[in-house]
Amino acid sequence: MPIEIKELHIKINVDEGKGKQPSIVVDSKKEKSALVEACVEQVMEILEKKQER
């Protein structure tokens, strides 16, 4: 005999980590552009993988 769930209660605690500094500090424009380029490349790879599915 199957069980039917009529209500589902979910409780989540979120810790935003107030006061934390970013772990990556980029000073020069070359470093920033390289970081952005790497991020864009990774995002494009993820999107391509999703389209293959």
Protein backbone atom coordinates (compact mmCIF):
# COMPACT_ATOMS: atom_id res chain seq x y z
CA MET A 1 0.00 0.00 0.00
CA PRO A 2 1.55 3.36 -1.02
CA ILE A 3 2.05 6.15 1.49
CA GLU A 4 0.74 9.61 0.60
CA ILE A 5 2.46 12.65 2.10
CA LYS A 6 0.03 15.56 2.44
CA GLU A 7 2.29 18.04 4.27
CA LEU A 8 6.02 18.50 4.31
CA HIS A 9 7.72 20.93 6.69
CA ILE A 10 11.30 21.99 5.93
CA LYS A 11 13.37 24.12 8.28
CA ILE A 12 16.65 25.68 7.13
CA ASN A 13 19.19 27.73 9.08
CA VAL A 14 21.26 30.06 6.92
CA ASP A 15 24.57 31.45 8.15
CA GLU A 16 25.57 34.37 5.95
CA GLY A 17 29.00 34.58 7.52
CA LYS A 18 28.89 38.27 8.34
CA GLY A 19 32.27 39.93 8.55
CA LYS A 20 34.03 37.48 6.26
CA GLN A 21 36.38 38.91 3.69
CA PRO A 22 36.52 37.53 0.15
CA SER A 23 39.17 34.85 -0.11
CA ILE A 24 40.53 36.19 -3.41
CA VAL A 25 41.98 39.68 -3.57
CA VAL A 26 42.84 40.92 -7.06
CA ASP A 27 44.91 44.07 -7.44
CA SER A 28 45.85 44.58 -11.08
CA LYS A 29 43.60 44.90 -14.11
CA LYS A 30 45.40 41.99 -15.81
CA GLU A 31 44.66 39.72 -12.87
CA LYS A 32 41.02 40.82 -12.84
CA SER A 33 40.56 40.19 -16.56
CA ALA A 34 42.27 36.79 -16.27
CA LEU A 35 39.99 35.86 -13.38
CA VAL A 36 36.89 36.98 -15.26
CA GLU A 37 38.01 35.08 -18.36
CA ALA A 38 38.54 31.90 -16.32
CA CYS A 39 35.11 32.24 -14.72
CA VAL A 40 33.41 32.78 -18.06
CA GLU A 41 35.17 29.74 -19.49
CA GLN A 42 34.01 27.56 -16.61
CA VAL A 43 30.43 28.82 -16.92
CA MET A 44 30.43 28.12 -20.66
CA GLU A 45 31.67 24.56 -20.03
CA ILE A 46 28.90 24.00 -17.48
CA LEU A 47 26.27 25.28 -19.91
CA GLU A 48 27.60 23.03 -22.70
CA LYS A 49 27.43 20.01 -20.39
CA LYS A 50 23.82 20.85 -19.49
CA GLN A 51 22.85 21.11 -23.16
CA GLU A 52 24.38 17.69 -23.88
CA ARG A 53 22.04 16.03 -21.38
